[in-house]
Structure formats: C-alpha cells, structure tokens
C-alpha cells in the first residue's frame, strides 16, 4: 500500500526515506525475533514519553488539523482519465462512472483504496489536491 493516508502532505516521504524506513523496520524485527527466541519478550504497552508524544501529535495537532475534513471525496475531472479502477475497488459502491469521469456519492468509509490506487492521483479526501504518492513496495 502506498503511504497510509495518501493525500496529506505532512505524511509524505521520499522513496529513499521509505526504503530506509523499511530497512530499519527489518532490523528491528530481526532483533525482536532473536530476543524472543532467547526468552526475552517485549514489554507490553508504551512508556510515558511515547504516550505524551502520541497525545501531542495525534490528539492535539491532527485533531486541530482535521476539524474541517469531510467524508466527501474530491475527484478532479481534469485529471481523471475514466479508467474506472476506483469504482471497481470501492467496497461501498460510493464511486460510479458517469461517462469518462468518476463521481462520488456520500457513502465513503475512508478506506483510501481509491486514493491510493488512482493511477493519475485524481482523487483526494483530506486535502484540496493529492500530493504525489510514494509506494514503498515499488522501491524495495
């Protein structure tokens, strides 16, 4: 899957940064598996620093930033090429094709399948426009 939320610029990373994140995660997994094999299991829960950081970023900053978001998809008809991929992927049938352009209704569940898979990045939900996506799996 490309970046988790593919239309929010603050969450974007370069392909090189994504490669590095995947490498670091692989090393962490290897260390954790080795520790478990030796009988040393990870602690449960988060420490106080992680809890404070999570509160400050997720609750306060993102909470403030997302106060005006809606569940209405924005499909740019000037960019949409009418391939229909978004309509096929939508689990709720929220997107339909009208002529050669995708149109959305009001049944979006924020699954981001359409945003992440649109070949022309013509769909956004959070922002005013889609910021270029970086698919991690393409760059490994």
C-alpha atoms as a PDB file:
ATOM      1  CA  UNK A   1       0.000   0.000   0.000  1.00  0.00           C
ATOM      2  CA  UNK A   2       1.313   3.467  -0.704  1.00  0.00           C
ATOM      3  CA  UNK A   3       1.656   5.974   2.099  1.00  0.00           C
ATOM      4  CA  UNK A   4      -1.028   5.318   4.671  1.00  0.00           C
ATOM      5  CA  UNK A   5      -3.007   8.456   4.030  1.00  0.00           C
ATOM      6  CA  UNK A   6      -2.029   9.372   0.532  1.00  0.00           C
ATOM      7  CA  UNK A   7      -3.416  12.859   0.308  1.00  0.00           C
ATOM      8  CA  UNK A   8      -1.879  14.569   3.323  1.00  0.00           C
ATOM      9  CA  UNK A   9       1.456  16.191   2.511  1.00  0.00           C
ATOM     10  CA  UNK A  10       2.809  16.069   6.058  1.00  0.00           C
ATOM     11  CA  UNK A  11       2.780  12.243   5.875  1.00  0.00           C
ATOM     12  CA  UNK A  12       4.793  12.055   2.646  1.00  0.00           C
ATOM     13  CA  UNK A  13       8.312  10.726   2.423  1.00  0.00           C
ATOM     14  CA  UNK A  14      10.736  10.369  -0.443  1.00  0.00           C
ATOM     15  CA  UNK A  15      11.295   6.913  -1.970  1.00  0.00           C
ATOM     16  CA  UNK A  16      14.779   6.856  -0.398  1.00  0.00           C
ATOM     17  CA  UNK A  17      13.355   7.675   3.036  1.00  0.00           C
ATOM     18  CA  UNK A  18      10.745   4.913   2.609  1.00  0.00           C
ATOM     19  CA  UNK A  19      13.483   2.410   1.674  1.00  0.00           C
ATOM     20  CA  UNK A  20      15.413   3.373   4.791  1.00  0.00           C
ATOM     21  CA  UNK A  21      12.318   3.023   6.995  1.00  0.00           C
ATOM     22  CA  UNK A  22      11.717  -0.478   5.636  1.00  0.00           C
ATOM     23  CA  UNK A  23      15.370  -1.419   6.243  1.00  0.00           C
ATOM     24  CA  UNK A  24      15.275  -0.135   9.816  1.00  0.00           C
ATOM     25  CA  UNK A  25      11.996  -1.983  10.441  1.00  0.00           C
ATOM     26  CA  UNK A  26      13.573  -5.184   9.110  1.00  0.00           C
ATOM     27  CA  UNK A  27      16.500  -4.820  11.517  1.00  0.00           C
ATOM     28  CA  UNK A  28      14.118  -4.190  14.429  1.00  0.00           C
ATOM     29  CA  UNK A  29      12.109  -7.296  13.525  1.00  0.00           C
ATOM     30  CA  UNK A  30      15.259  -9.399  13.379  1.00  0.00           C
ATOM     31  CA  UNK A  31      16.390  -8.136  16.807  1.00  0.00           C
ATOM     32  CA  UNK A  32      12.937  -8.723  18.312  1.00  0.00           C
ATOM     33  CA  UNK A  33      12.735 -12.275  16.904  1.00  0.00           C
ATOM     34  CA  UNK A  34      16.209 -13.061  18.238  1.00  0.00           C
ATOM     35  CA  UNK A  35      15.292 -11.730  21.689  1.00  0.00           C
ATOM     36  CA  UNK A  36      12.075 -13.787  21.752  1.00  0.00           C
ATOM     37  CA  UNK A  37      13.999 -16.933  20.785  1.00  0.00           C
ATOM     38  CA  UNK A  38      16.262 -16.292  23.779  1.00  0.00           C
ATOM     39  CA  UNK A  39      13.272 -15.935  26.097  1.00  0.00           C
ATOM     40  CA  UNK A  40      13.300 -12.146  26.356  1.00  0.00           C
ATOM     41  CA  UNK A  41       9.852 -10.932  25.399  1.00  0.00           C
ATOM     42  CA  UNK A  42       8.988  -7.300  24.603  1.00  0.00           C
ATOM     43  CA  UNK A  43       7.331  -5.253  27.314  1.00  0.00           C
ATOM     44  CA  UNK A  44       3.647  -4.561  26.937  1.00  0.00           C
ATOM     45  CA  UNK A  45       2.404  -1.010  26.457  1.00  0.00           C
ATOM     46  CA  UNK A  46       4.078   2.301  25.808  1.00  0.00           C
ATOM     47  CA  UNK A  47       6.353   4.352  28.002  1.00  0.00           C
ATOM     48  CA  UNK A  48       5.434   7.791  29.294  1.00  0.00           C
ATOM     49  CA  UNK A  49       7.394   9.605  26.568  1.00  0.00           C
ATOM     50  CA  UNK A  50       5.535   7.738  23.784  1.00  0.00           C
ATOM     51  CA  UNK A  51       2.207   8.497  25.408  1.00  0.00           C
ATOM     52  CA  UNK A  52       2.957  12.228  25.645  1.00  0.00           C
ATOM     53  CA  UNK A  53       4.297  12.358  22.079  1.00  0.00           C
ATOM     54  CA  UNK A  54       1.218  10.494  20.826  1.00  0.00           C
ATOM     55  CA  UNK A  55      -1.104  12.862  22.661  1.00  0.00           C
ATOM     56  CA  UNK A  56       0.627  15.957  21.340  1.00  0.00           C
ATOM     57  CA  UNK A  57       0.745  14.788  17.727  1.00  0.00           C
ATOM     58  CA  UNK A  58      -2.312  12.625  17.243  1.00  0.00           C
ATOM     59  CA  UNK A  59      -4.805  14.273  19.549  1.00  0.00           C
ATOM     60  CA  UNK A  60      -3.854  17.923  19.536  1.00  0.00           C
ATOM     61  CA  UNK A  61      -2.148  18.615  16.207  1.00  0.00           C
ATOM     62  CA  UNK A  62      -4.051  16.188  13.959  1.00  0.00           C
ATOM     63  CA  UNK A  63      -7.259  16.833  15.882  1.00  0.00           C
ATOM     64  CA  UNK A  64      -6.964  20.515  15.115  1.00  0.00           C
ATOM     65  CA  UNK A  65      -5.881  19.903  11.529  1.00  0.00           C
ATOM     66  CA  UNK A  66      -8.749  17.521  10.756  1.00  0.00           C
ATOM     67  CA  UNK A  67     -11.603  19.573  12.228  1.00  0.00           C
ATOM     68  CA  UNK A  68     -12.706  20.718   8.767  1.00  0.00           C
ATOM     69  CA  UNK A  69     -12.309  17.405   6.937  1.00  0.00           C
ATOM     70  CA  UNK A  70     -15.349  15.747   5.436  1.00  0.00           C
ATOM     71  CA  UNK A  71     -16.177  12.310   4.129  1.00  0.00           C
ATOM     72  CA  UNK A  72     -16.804  13.710   0.657  1.00  0.00           C
ATOM     73  CA  UNK A  73     -14.304  12.594  -1.945  1.00  0.00           C
ATOM     74  CA  UNK A  74     -12.988  15.174  -4.343  1.00  0.00           C
ATOM     75  CA  UNK A  75     -12.381  13.854  -7.839  1.00  0.00           C
ATOM     76  CA  UNK A  76     -10.657  16.225 -10.237  1.00  0.00           C
ATOM     77  CA  UNK A  77     -12.399  15.747 -13.610  1.00  0.00           C
ATOM     78  CA  UNK A  78      -9.498  17.450 -15.398  1.00  0.00           C
ATOM     79  CA  UNK A  79      -7.117  14.750 -14.144  1.00  0.00           C
ATOM     80  CA  UNK A  80      -9.415  11.681 -14.113  1.00  0.00           C
ATOM     81  CA  UNK A  81      -8.906   9.519 -17.201  1.00  0.00           C
ATOM     82  CA  UNK A  82     -12.030   7.412 -16.667  1.00  0.00           C
ATOM     83  CA  UNK A  83     -10.253   4.091 -16.111  1.00  0.00           C
ATOM     84  CA  UNK A  84     -12.863   3.005 -13.546  1.00  0.00           C
ATOM     85  CA  UNK A  85     -10.343   1.435 -11.161  1.00  0.00           C
ATOM     86  CA  UNK A  86     -11.656   3.479  -8.228  1.00  0.00           C
ATOM     87  CA  UNK A  87     -15.241   2.391  -8.866  1.00  0.00           C
ATOM     88  CA  UNK A  88     -14.176  -1.278  -9.006  1.00  0.00           C
ATOM     89  CA  UNK A  89     -12.171  -1.003  -5.767  1.00  0.00           C
ATOM     90  CA  UNK A  90     -14.756   0.879  -3.685  1.00  0.00           C
ATOM     91  CA  UNK A  91     -16.279  -1.578  -1.175  1.00  0.00           C
ATOM     92  CA  UNK A  92     -19.365   0.588  -0.578  1.00  0.00           C
ATOM     93  CA  UNK A  93     -20.126   1.430  -4.204  1.00  0.00           C
ATOM     94  CA  UNK A  94     -19.556   5.090  -3.384  1.00  0.00           C
ATOM     95  CA  UNK A  95     -17.869   5.800  -6.725  1.00  0.00           C
ATOM     96  CA  UNK A  96     -19.610   5.433 -10.046  1.00  0.00           C
ATOM     97  CA  UNK A  97     -18.605   6.240 -13.585  1.00  0.00           C
ATOM     98  CA  UNK A  98     -20.554   8.927 -15.392  1.00  0.00           C
ATOM     99  CA  UNK A  99     -19.255   8.957 -18.915  1.00  0.00           C
ATOM    100  CA  UNK A 100     -15.472   9.019 -18.698  1.00  0.00           C
ATOM    101  CA  UNK A 101     -15.303  10.584 -15.225  1.00  0.00           C
ATOM    102  CA  UNK A 102     -15.590   9.101 -11.741  1.00  0.00           C
ATOM    103  CA  UNK A 103     -18.215  10.621  -9.442  1.00  0.00           C
ATOM    104  CA  UNK A 104     -18.652  10.062  -5.726  1.00  0.00           C
ATOM    105  CA  UNK A 105     -21.728   9.776  -3.544  1.00  0.00           C
ATOM    106  CA  UNK A 106     -21.944  10.110   0.250  1.00  0.00           C
ATOM    107  CA  UNK A 107     -21.118   6.571   1.395  1.00  0.00           C
ATOM    108  CA  UNK A 108     -17.338   6.910   1.839  1.00  0.00           C
ATOM    109  CA  UNK A 109     -15.873   4.912   4.747  1.00  0.00           C
ATOM    110  CA  UNK A 110     -12.372   6.437   4.454  1.00  0.00           C
ATOM    111  CA  UNK A 111     -10.736   3.178   3.332  1.00  0.00           C
ATOM    112  CA  UNK A 112      -8.477   5.104   0.909  1.00  0.00           C
ATOM    113  CA  UNK A 113      -8.433   2.338  -1.694  1.00  0.00           C
ATOM    114  CA  UNK A 114      -9.422   4.759  -4.441  1.00  0.00           C
ATOM    115  CA  UNK A 115      -6.981   7.466  -3.326  1.00  0.00           C
ATOM    116  CA  UNK A 116      -4.092   5.029  -3.070  1.00  0.00           C
ATOM    117  CA  UNK A 117      -4.715   3.230  -6.354  1.00  0.00           C
ATOM    118  CA  UNK A 118      -5.766   6.038  -8.718  1.00  0.00           C
ATOM    119  CA  UNK A 119      -3.148   5.923 -11.493  1.00  0.00           C
ATOM    120  CA  UNK A 120      -3.487   9.661 -12.127  1.00  0.00           C
ATOM    121  CA  UNK A 121      -3.929  10.728  -8.487  1.00  0.00           C
ATOM    122  CA  UNK A 122      -7.184  12.460  -9.329  1.00  0.00           C
ATOM    123  CA  UNK A 123      -8.889  11.675  -6.001  1.00  0.00           C
ATOM    124  CA  UNK A 124      -8.425  13.306  -2.608  1.00  0.00           C
ATOM    125  CA  UNK A 125     -10.301  13.205   0.638  1.00  0.00           C
ATOM    126  CA  UNK A 126      -8.378  15.244   3.174  1.00  0.00           C
ATOM    127  CA  UNK A 127      -6.722  17.968   1.197  1.00  0.00           C
ATOM    128  CA  UNK A 128      -7.564  20.174  -1.716  1.00  0.00           C
ATOM    129  CA  UNK A 129      -5.321  18.152  -4.016  1.00  0.00           C
ATOM    130  CA  UNK A 130      -3.470  14.852  -3.959  1.00  0.00           C
ATOM    131  CA  UNK A 131       0.197  15.049  -3.065  1.00  0.00           C
ATOM    132  CA  UNK A 132       2.426  12.676  -5.058  1.00  0.00           C
ATOM    133  CA  UNK A 133       2.305   9.189  -3.585  1.00  0.00           C
ATOM    134  CA  UNK A 134       5.299   7.002  -2.881  1.00  0.00           C
ATOM    135  CA  UNK A 135       4.627   3.275  -2.892  1.00  0.00           C
ATOM    136  CA  UNK A 136       7.086   1.536  -0.582  1.00  0.00           C
ATOM    137  CA  UNK A 137       6.713  -1.844  -2.261  1.00  0.00           C
ATOM    138  CA  UNK A 138       7.777  -0.378  -5.594  1.00  0.00           C
ATOM    139  CA  UNK A 139      11.135   0.759  -4.207  1.00  0.00           C
ATOM    140  CA  UNK A 140      12.416  -2.203  -2.196  1.00  0.00           C
END
